[in-house]
Amino acid sequence: MSKTMSFAAVHFTVAFTVGYAMTGSVLVGGALALVEPAINTVAYHIHEQMWARFKSARHDGLRHPLPQM
């Protein structure tokens, strides 16, 4: 989880900087810095969990590590 939090800190900074640079608005930069990285951080954490499951299943020799829909 610490890797995820570190990634979030970097992402918040980048999102604010890009938003501010593109609009000149602290409000827009701040909104982007809060919303986009927060959603992306959750997605990243889920991705890491899914990737770990995939690697584990692959290591065990399963052909379909994820549930089929």
Foldseek 3Di string as FASTA:
>chain_A
DVVLVVVLVVQLVVQLVVQCVVPVDNVRSNVRSPPVSVVVSVVVVVVVVVVVQVVVCVVVPDPDSDDDD
